[in-house]
Amino acid sequence: MFPIKDRKGRIVGFGGRVMNPDNQPKYLNTGETEVFQKSRELYGFFESLEERRDLNEIFVVEGYMDTIAMYEHGMKNSVATLGIATNRFHIQKLLQVVSQITFCFDGDDAGRGAAWGALKNVLPSVTDGTEISFLFLPEGEDPASLLEQHSVEDFKNLSKKANLLSEYFIERLAQASEITSLEKKASLAAKAMELLSTMQESSIKRLLESEVAKVTGLDPSDLKTKSKTTRYPDRIRKQDNIEDKERDKSFEPSGLGSKILSVLLTYPYLSKEIEDLDNFSDFSQPEVHLMVEVASYFKDNPDNGISDLLSTLDKDSASFIGALISSHDPIDEKNAKEYLKDCLFNLKKSDSVTRIFELKEIFENGNLTEDETFELQQHLLSNIHKLEEPEKNLLKALSQKS
């Protein structure tokens, strides 16, 4: 058992690791509570801060034992995630205190896959002052086993050979670019620029765009245009091969459904505060439907994290959630519950059909204000294709009144 401390040194939970490597799950943590979310904590972070006040570099390893082994050998600047993939909350927490992060992964396919996931999560936080590296260990080895066989100096020398983020990004592209068809290269460019579009404007971003151009053979100006039109935080559209009446469906990052989603992604335990999920079934906004799906998932799986959730979602939904996580500023926890309630109240109020009936009743009683008249007109116009004759007549009456 491993006590997990927050940044202030308070024990907020415990992590367990099986003794028999054949048993599953390999890691088991304290259940999620208001003070402990495994997606936001890092094992060894408090100890790293305590030991090295002048900390400027940190190693991110995959297990508790790796952190302990490094600490025992005098490398007191390592942390481990709690049995889940590295996410943007981990990265933001680390970059608040250091400018250099080295991720340590096994050199096998699984390790490289985990590294690619970490790279995608770190891109939105990369600026010209940060240095992110990826250290791939010999297959089957981890920091603990290496330090048992070799000296600390050997490990430090190995870490100096770590791939910089830019090197690893281009290496992955170069591997994929061996396919020479124009269609494959175009697809590769689109995927690369979609990732780079999540980055802040910086010299490193511009250099990576230039490298993508070299690998794909495309003009850099074309890639920059692509980057602007596929930028994650703006809006992610669904597939176009849908019926005309559904063609305008798209996730809206600034909508109330997305605001509720952001709260749930930051504090999954608050899903239990949404008691009437069925009431949102008639809403047309895709982000509201996704919010219902996410809330239902965390209600049924309170101990699971974001990576577990993403594995259950379709590609568009998972991409949108990734965009939200990358672009949204976390709500302060002490205000999160009240903020969630306000958003839920306003979302219910914004439901056009319900609101039309409410305002129509006020109109019939002769008490409709000027603002309410405008609001009712907008609701009617947004639903004009499905209005019945009485509502059409109401719209005409409102137009004449105004």
Protein backbone atom coordinates (compact mmCIF):
# COMPACT_ATOMS: atom_id res chain seq x y z
CA MET A 1 0.00 0.00 0.00
CA PHE A 2 1.24 3.47 -0.90
CA PRO A 3 -0.05 6.66 0.78
CA ILE A 4 -0.90 9.33 -1.79
CA LYS A 5 -0.31 12.92 -0.74
CA ASP A 6 -1.53 16.14 -2.27
CA ARG A 7 0.73 19.08 -2.97
CA LYS A 8 0.46 20.23 0.66
CA GLY A 9 1.53 16.85 2.03
CA ARG A 10 -1.91 15.75 3.22
CA ILE A 11 -2.77 12.07 2.69
CA VAL A 12 -5.79 12.06 0.37
CA GLY A 13 -5.88 8.39 -0.61
CA PHE A 14 -4.01 5.13 -0.96
CA GLY A 15 -2.74 3.16 -3.90
CA GLY A 16 -2.30 -0.58 -3.95
CA ARG A 17 -0.22 -2.75 -6.27
CA VAL A 18 -0.69 -6.51 -6.61
CA MET A 19 2.14 -8.74 -5.39
CA ASN A 20 1.55 -11.32 -8.13
CA PRO A 21 2.10 -9.69 -11.56
CA ASP A 22 -0.37 -12.13 -13.13
CA ASN A 23 -3.26 -10.78 -11.05
CA GLN A 24 -5.53 -8.00 -12.30
CA PRO A 25 -6.07 -5.16 -11.89
CA LYS A 26 -2.41 -4.35 -11.40
CA TYR A 27 -3.19 -1.16 -9.46
CA LEU A 28 -6.09 -0.39 -7.14
CA ASN A 29 -6.72 3.04 -5.66
CA THR A 30 -8.97 4.62 -3.07
CA GLY A 31 -12.39 5.36 -4.56
CA GLU A 32 -12.94 8.88 -5.93
CA THR A 33 -14.11 11.42 -3.34
CA GLU A 34 -14.37 15.19 -3.09
CA VAL A 35 -10.72 15.33 -1.95
CA PHE A 36 -9.26 12.55 -4.09
CA GLN A 37 -9.46 12.19 -7.86
CA LYS A 38 -6.82 9.84 -9.21
CA SER A 39 -6.78 11.70 -12.53
CA ARG A 40 -5.41 14.80 -10.75
CA GLU A 41 -2.82 13.39 -8.34
CA LEU A 42 0.78 12.29 -8.81
CA TYR A 43 2.59 9.89 -6.51
CA GLY A 44 5.82 11.42 -5.21
CA PHE A 45 5.01 15.00 -6.24
CA PHE A 46 4.98 16.36 -2.68
CA GLU A 47 8.25 14.57 -1.86
CA SER A 48 9.90 15.97 -5.00
CA LEU A 49 8.93 19.51 -4.01
CA GLU A 50 10.10 19.00 -0.43
CA GLU A 51 13.49 17.58 -1.38
CA ARG A 52 14.31 20.03 -4.14
CA ARG A 53 13.00 23.53 -3.73
CA ASP A 54 14.98 24.55 -6.83
CA LEU A 55 13.34 21.81 -8.90
CA ASN A 56 13.54 22.47 -12.66
CA GLU A 57 13.28 18.95 -14.14
CA ILE A 58 11.08 15.99 -13.27
CA PHE A 59 10.80 12.38 -14.44
CA VAL A 60 7.36 10.86 -15.00
CA VAL A 61 7.46 7.08 -14.52
CA GLU A 62 4.79 4.41 -14.75
CA GLY A 63 4.73 2.87 -11.26
CA TYR A 64 5.01 3.58 -7.55
CA MET A 65 8.03 1.26 -7.24
CA ASP A 66 9.88 3.17 -9.95
CA THR A 67 9.47 6.41 -8.02
CA ILE A 68 10.60 4.75 -4.78
CA ALA A 69 13.62 3.15 -6.48
CA MET A 70 14.72 6.45 -7.99
CA TYR A 71 14.27 8.19 -4.62
CA GLU A 72 16.37 5.50 -2.89
CA HIS A 73 19.15 6.08 -5.43
CA GLY A 74 19.17 9.82 -4.85
CA MET A 75 17.03 10.81 -7.84
CA LYS A 76 14.40 12.66 -5.83
CA ASN A 77 12.65 14.29 -8.75
CA SER A 78 10.30 11.62 -10.07
CA VAL A 79 6.54 11.11 -9.96
CA ALA A 80 4.14 8.38 -11.06
CA THR A 81 0.54 8.50 -12.22
CA LEU A 82 -1.92 6.39 -10.26
CA GLY A 83 -2.23 3.51 -12.68
CA ILE A 84 -3.73 5.66 -15.44
CA ALA A 85 -2.42 7.45 -18.52
CA THR A 86 -0.77 10.85 -18.17
CA ASN A 87 -3.38 13.57 -18.71
CA ARG A 88 -3.42 17.34 -19.04
CA PHE A 89 -4.10 17.86 -15.31
CA HIS A 90 -0.86 16.03 -14.48
CA ILE A 91 1.02 18.07 -17.07
CA GLN A 92 -0.38 21.41 -15.91
CA LYS A 93 0.52 20.57 -12.31
CA LEU A 94 4.10 19.72 -13.29
CA LEU A 95 4.64 22.71 -15.56
CA GLN A 96 3.64 25.02 -12.73
CA VAL A 97 6.91 24.12 -10.98
CA VAL A 98 9.30 22.82 -13.68
CA SER A 99 10.14 23.65 -17.28
CA GLN A 100 11.57 20.21 -18.17
CA ILE A 101 9.66 16.92 -18.09
CA THR A 102 11.11 13.55 -19.08
CA PHE A 103 8.61 10.73 -19.59
CA CYS A 104 10.01 7.23 -19.04
CA PHE A 105 8.40 4.39 -20.98
CA ASP A 106 9.14 0.79 -21.85
CA GLY A 107 10.52 0.56 -25.38
CA ASP A 108 7.88 -1.97 -26.50
CA ASP A 109 4.80 -1.16 -28.59
CA ALA A 110 2.64 -0.55 -25.52
CA GLY A 111 5.20 1.86 -24.10
CA ARG A 112 5.47 3.78 -27.35
CA GLY A 113 1.70 3.93 -27.56
CA ALA A 114 1.56 5.39 -24.05
CA ALA A 115 4.26 7.91 -25.02
CA TRP A 116 2.25 9.03 -28.04
CA GLY A 117 -0.79 9.53 -25.78
CA ALA A 118 1.30 11.63 -23.39
CA LEU A 119 2.65 13.67 -26.30
CA LYS A 120 -0.86 14.51 -27.50
CA ASN A 121 -1.87 15.59 -23.99
CA VAL A 122 1.20 17.76 -23.50
CA LEU A 123 1.00 19.65 -26.82
CA PRO A 124 -1.49 22.33 -25.60
CA SER A 125 0.91 23.25 -22.78
CA VAL A 126 4.11 23.43 -24.84
CA THR A 127 5.68 26.87 -25.22
CA ASP A 128 9.14 28.06 -26.22
CA GLY A 129 10.24 27.83 -22.58
CA THR A 130 9.34 24.19 -22.01
CA GLU A 131 11.39 21.08 -22.79
CA ILE A 132 9.57 17.76 -23.01
CA SER A 133 11.50 14.51 -23.58
CA PHE A 134 10.64 10.83 -23.99
CA LEU A 135 13.02 8.21 -22.65
CA PHE A 136 12.43 4.72 -24.04
CA LEU A 137 13.97 2.06 -21.82
CA PRO A 138 15.21 -1.33 -23.04
CA GLU A 139 12.24 -3.63 -23.63
CA GLY A 140 11.07 -5.29 -20.43
CA GLU A 141 12.96 -2.84 -18.21
CA ASP A 142 11.73 -0.05 -15.96
CA PRO A 143 13.62 2.52 -13.86
CA ALA A 144 13.53 0.25 -10.80
CA SER A 145 15.06 -2.74 -12.60
CA LEU A 146 17.67 -0.60 -14.36
CA LEU A 147 18.81 0.99 -11.11
CA GLU A 148 19.19 -2.47 -9.58
CA GLN A 149 21.60 -3.47 -12.35
CA HIS A 150 23.36 -0.19 -13.15
CA SER A 151 24.59 2.93 -11.42
CA VAL A 152 22.69 6.18 -11.08
CA GLU A 153 25.27 7.76 -13.38
CA ASP A 154 24.48 5.17 -16.05
CA PHE A 155 20.78 5.98 -15.75
CA LYS A 156 21.45 9.71 -16.00
CA ASN A 157 23.59 9.15 -19.10
CA LEU A 158 20.78 7.11 -20.62
CA SER A 159 18.30 9.89 -19.88
CA LYS A 160 20.49 12.33 -21.82
CA LYS A 161 19.69 10.28 -24.93
CA ALA A 162 15.94 10.83 -24.51
CA ASN A 163 14.01 11.99 -27.58
CA LEU A 164 12.89 15.59 -27.48
CA LEU A 165 9.18 16.09 -28.16
CA SER A 166 9.93 17.56 -31.59
CA GLU A 167 12.18 14.60 -32.48
CA TYR A 168 9.64 12.01 -31.40
CA PHE A 169 6.79 13.79 -33.20
CA ILE A 170 8.70 13.89 -36.48
CA GLU A 171 9.99 10.33 -35.99
CA ARG A 172 6.40 9.07 -35.82
CA LEU A 173 5.51 11.06 -38.93
CA ALA A 174 8.53 9.80 -40.83
CA GLN A 175 7.59 6.21 -40.04
CA ALA A 176 4.10 6.76 -41.38
CA SER A 177 5.30 8.66 -44.44
CA GLU A 178 6.91 5.54 -45.92
CA ILE A 179 3.51 5.02 -47.55
CA THR A 180 4.00 6.99 -50.75
CA SER A 181 0.46 7.47 -52.06
CA LEU A 182 -0.73 11.07 -52.25
CA GLU A 183 -3.91 10.20 -50.39
CA LYS A 184 -1.97 8.75 -47.46
CA LYS A 185 0.33 11.76 -47.31
CA ALA A 186 -2.66 14.13 -47.36
CA SER A 187 -4.28 12.15 -44.55
CA LEU A 188 -1.02 12.19 -42.60
CA ALA A 189 -0.71 15.97 -42.98
CA ALA A 190 -4.28 16.48 -41.81
CA LYS A 191 -3.73 14.36 -38.70
CA ALA A 192 -0.44 16.06 -37.89
CA MET A 193 -1.85 19.56 -38.25
CA GLU A 194 -4.92 18.61 -36.24
CA LEU A 195 -2.57 17.82 -33.37
CA LEU A 196 -0.45 20.93 -33.88
CA SER A 197 -3.56 23.10 -33.98
CA THR A 198 -3.99 22.40 -30.25
CA MET A 199 -0.67 24.15 -29.55
CA GLN A 200 -0.18 27.73 -28.44
CA GLU A 201 1.36 30.04 -31.03
CA SER A 202 5.12 29.72 -30.57
CA SER A 203 8.39 29.22 -32.41
CA ILE A 204 8.35 25.49 -31.67
CA LYS A 205 4.90 25.19 -33.24
CA ARG A 206 6.06 26.98 -36.41
CA LEU A 207 9.16 24.77 -36.62
CA LEU A 208 7.04 21.63 -36.27
CA GLU A 209 4.75 22.87 -39.04
CA SER A 210 7.80 23.29 -41.27
CA GLU A 211 8.98 19.77 -40.46
CA VAL A 212 5.54 18.36 -41.27
CA ALA A 213 5.76 20.13 -44.63
CA LYS A 214 9.13 18.48 -45.35
CA VAL A 215 7.89 15.01 -44.44
CA THR A 216 4.67 15.26 -46.46
CA GLY A 217 5.95 17.34 -49.36
CA LEU A 218 3.19 19.91 -48.92
CA ASP A 219 3.55 23.68 -48.93
CA PRO A 220 3.91 25.12 -45.38
CA SER A 221 1.29 27.80 -46.11
CA ASP A 222 -1.24 25.10 -46.97
CA LEU A 223 -0.53 23.36 -43.70
CA LYS A 224 -1.00 26.57 -41.72
CA THR A 225 -4.37 27.09 -43.38
CA LYS A 226 -5.29 23.54 -42.50
CA SER A 227 -4.26 24.17 -38.93
CA LYS A 228 -6.60 27.15 -38.65
CA THR A 229 -9.58 25.33 -40.07
CA THR A 230 -9.21 22.22 -37.93
CA ARG A 231 -8.34 23.96 -34.68
CA TYR A 232 -9.61 21.82 -31.79
CA PRO A 233 -10.92 24.42 -29.35
CA ASP A 234 -13.30 26.06 -31.83
CA ARG A 235 -15.79 23.46 -33.02
CA ILE A 236 -15.54 19.84 -34.04
CA ARG A 237 -18.09 18.87 -36.65
CA LYS A 238 -19.56 15.41 -37.00
CA GLN A 239 -19.52 13.35 -40.18
CA ASP A 240 -21.27 15.00 -43.12
CA ASN A 241 -22.83 11.81 -44.47
CA ILE A 242 -26.02 12.23 -42.44
CA GLU A 243 -29.56 13.22 -43.26
CA ASP A 244 -30.14 16.84 -44.24
CA LYS A 245 -32.20 17.56 -41.15
CA GLU A 246 -29.24 16.49 -38.98
CA ARG A 247 -26.51 18.04 -41.12
CA ASP A 248 -26.05 21.06 -38.85
CA LYS A 249 -25.29 18.95 -35.80
CA SER A 250 -21.98 19.93 -34.21
CA PHE A 251 -20.52 20.12 -30.75
CA GLU A 252 -20.59 23.66 -29.36
CA PRO A 253 -17.72 24.23 -26.87
CA SER A 254 -19.33 27.36 -25.40
CA GLY A 255 -22.78 25.81 -24.89
CA LEU A 256 -24.26 25.00 -21.50
CA GLY A 257 -23.96 21.27 -22.17
CA SER A 258 -20.23 21.73 -22.72
CA LYS A 259 -19.87 23.77 -19.54
CA ILE A 260 -21.53 20.97 -17.59
CA LEU A 261 -19.28 18.46 -19.35
CA SER A 262 -16.20 20.44 -18.30
CA VAL A 263 -17.27 20.26 -14.66
CA LEU A 264 -17.88 16.51 -14.86
CA LEU A 265 -14.53 15.88 -16.57
CA THR A 266 -12.76 17.82 -13.82
CA TYR A 267 -14.80 16.44 -10.91
CA PRO A 268 -16.40 13.13 -12.01
CA TYR A 269 -17.93 12.54 -8.57
CA LEU A 270 -20.32 15.47 -9.18
CA SER A 271 -22.19 13.34 -11.71
CA LYS A 272 -24.30 12.09 -8.82
CA GLU A 273 -25.70 15.62 -8.46
CA ILE A 274 -27.56 15.27 -11.78
CA GLU A 275 -30.64 13.32 -10.76
CA ASP A 276 -32.90 13.82 -13.78
CA LEU A 277 -30.87 12.77 -16.82
CA ASP A 278 -33.99 11.55 -18.63
CA ASN A 279 -35.24 15.14 -18.77
CA PHE A 280 -32.51 15.95 -21.29
CA SER A 281 -33.45 13.26 -23.82
CA ASP A 282 -35.44 15.69 -26.00
CA PHE A 283 -32.64 18.25 -26.32
CA SER A 284 -31.22 18.63 -29.82
CA GLN A 285 -27.67 19.72 -28.89
CA PRO A 286 -25.08 16.92 -29.33
CA GLU A 287 -23.05 18.19 -26.38
CA VAL A 288 -26.09 17.77 -24.11
CA HIS A 289 -26.50 14.16 -25.24
CA LEU A 290 -22.77 13.62 -24.60
CA MET A 291 -23.12 15.21 -21.17
CA VAL A 292 -25.87 12.70 -20.33
CA GLU A 293 -23.66 9.84 -21.54
CA VAL A 294 -20.68 11.02 -19.46
CA ALA A 295 -22.77 11.62 -16.33
CA SER A 296 -24.36 8.17 -16.66
CA TYR A 297 -20.94 6.57 -17.08
CA PHE A 298 -19.46 8.14 -13.95
CA LYS A 299 -22.59 7.34 -11.94
CA ASP A 300 -22.23 3.68 -12.89
CA ASN A 301 -18.41 3.67 -12.63
CA PRO A 302 -17.44 6.08 -9.81
CA ASP A 303 -13.89 4.70 -9.51
CA ASN A 304 -13.00 5.11 -13.18
CA GLY A 305 -11.11 8.01 -14.73
CA ILE A 306 -11.09 9.96 -17.98
CA SER A 307 -9.01 7.41 -19.88
CA ASP A 308 -11.54 4.71 -18.95
CA LEU A 309 -14.38 6.92 -20.17
CA LEU A 310 -12.71 7.71 -23.51
CA SER A 311 -12.39 4.03 -24.33
CA THR A 312 -16.20 3.75 -24.33
CA LEU A 313 -16.94 6.71 -26.62
CA ASP A 314 -17.12 7.07 -30.39
CA LYS A 315 -14.30 8.92 -32.16
CA ASP A 316 -16.13 12.27 -32.48
CA SER A 317 -17.20 12.33 -28.85
CA ALA A 318 -13.74 11.37 -27.60
CA SER A 319 -12.15 14.07 -29.78
CA PHE A 320 -14.54 16.70 -28.47
CA ILE A 321 -13.82 15.73 -24.88
CA GLY A 322 -10.10 15.95 -25.65
CA ALA A 323 -10.68 19.44 -27.04
CA LEU A 324 -12.63 20.51 -23.96
CA ILE A 325 -9.93 19.22 -21.64
CA SER A 326 -7.26 21.06 -23.64
CA SER A 327 -9.05 24.39 -23.83
CA HIS A 328 -11.05 24.85 -20.67
CA ASP A 329 -9.88 26.43 -17.41
CA PRO A 330 -10.78 24.21 -14.43
CA ILE A 331 -13.49 25.52 -12.08
CA ASP A 332 -12.37 25.96 -8.50
CA GLU A 333 -13.57 22.88 -6.61
CA LYS A 334 -15.32 24.77 -3.82
CA ASN A 335 -17.49 26.55 -6.41
CA ALA A 336 -17.93 23.62 -8.80
CA LYS A 337 -21.11 22.17 -7.28
CA GLU A 338 -22.94 25.51 -7.29
CA TYR A 339 -21.71 26.29 -10.81
CA LEU A 340 -23.01 22.91 -11.98
CA LYS A 341 -26.43 23.59 -10.48
CA ASP A 342 -26.61 26.99 -12.18
CA CYS A 343 -25.68 25.49 -15.54
CA LEU A 344 -28.26 22.73 -15.17
CA PHE A 345 -30.95 25.26 -14.26
CA ASN A 346 -30.12 27.47 -17.23
CA LEU A 347 -29.93 24.49 -19.57
CA LYS A 348 -33.42 23.37 -18.62
CA LYS A 349 -34.63 26.93 -19.02
CA SER A 350 -33.07 27.16 -22.47
CA ASP A 351 -34.93 24.17 -23.83
CA SER A 352 -36.79 25.82 -26.70
CA VAL A 353 -39.95 23.74 -26.68
CA THR A 354 -40.47 24.09 -22.93
CA ARG A 355 -39.66 27.77 -23.06
CA ILE A 356 -42.08 28.39 -25.94
CA PHE A 357 -44.97 27.01 -23.90
CA GLU A 358 -43.94 29.08 -20.87
CA LEU A 359 -43.70 32.32 -22.84
CA LYS A 360 -46.83 31.55 -24.85
CA GLU A 361 -48.81 31.33 -21.62
CA ILE A 362 -47.40 34.67 -20.46
CA PHE A 363 -48.29 36.19 -23.85
CA GLU A 364 -51.87 34.96 -23.62
CA ASN A 365 -52.16 36.59 -20.20
CA GLY A 366 -50.94 39.87 -21.71
CA ASN A 367 -47.84 40.11 -19.50
CA LEU A 368 -45.04 39.49 -22.03
CA THR A 369 -42.17 41.99 -21.70
CA GLU A 370 -40.21 43.35 -24.67
CA ASP A 371 -37.25 41.05 -23.90
CA GLU A 372 -39.54 38.04 -23.52
CA THR A 373 -41.23 38.90 -26.82
CA PHE A 374 -37.86 38.85 -28.58
CA GLU A 375 -36.89 35.60 -26.82
CA LEU A 376 -40.15 33.93 -27.86
CA GLN A 377 -39.66 35.05 -31.47
CA GLN A 378 -36.17 33.55 -31.51
CA HIS A 379 -37.38 30.24 -30.07
CA LEU A 380 -40.18 30.07 -32.63
CA LEU A 381 -37.86 30.90 -35.52
CA SER A 382 -35.34 28.27 -34.44
CA ASN A 383 -38.13 25.67 -34.52
CA ILE A 384 -39.99 27.03 -37.54
CA HIS A 385 -39.75 23.78 -39.51
CA LYS A 386 -41.82 21.93 -36.89
CA LEU A 387 -44.28 24.63 -35.80
CA GLU A 388 -47.98 23.80 -35.73
CA GLU A 389 -50.54 26.29 -37.10
CA PRO A 390 -51.23 27.96 -33.69
CA GLU A 391 -47.50 28.63 -33.20
CA LYS A 392 -47.18 29.99 -36.75
CA ASN A 393 -50.05 32.39 -36.05
CA LEU A 394 -48.36 33.36 -32.79
CA LEU A 395 -45.16 34.19 -34.66
CA LYS A 396 -47.13 36.41 -37.08
CA ALA A 397 -48.81 38.17 -34.16
CA LEU A 398 -45.47 38.81 -32.47
CA SER A 399 -43.99 40.17 -35.71
CA GLN A 400 -46.89 42.60 -36.09
CA LYS A 401 -46.57 43.63 -32.45
CA SER A 402 -42.88 44.43 -32.84
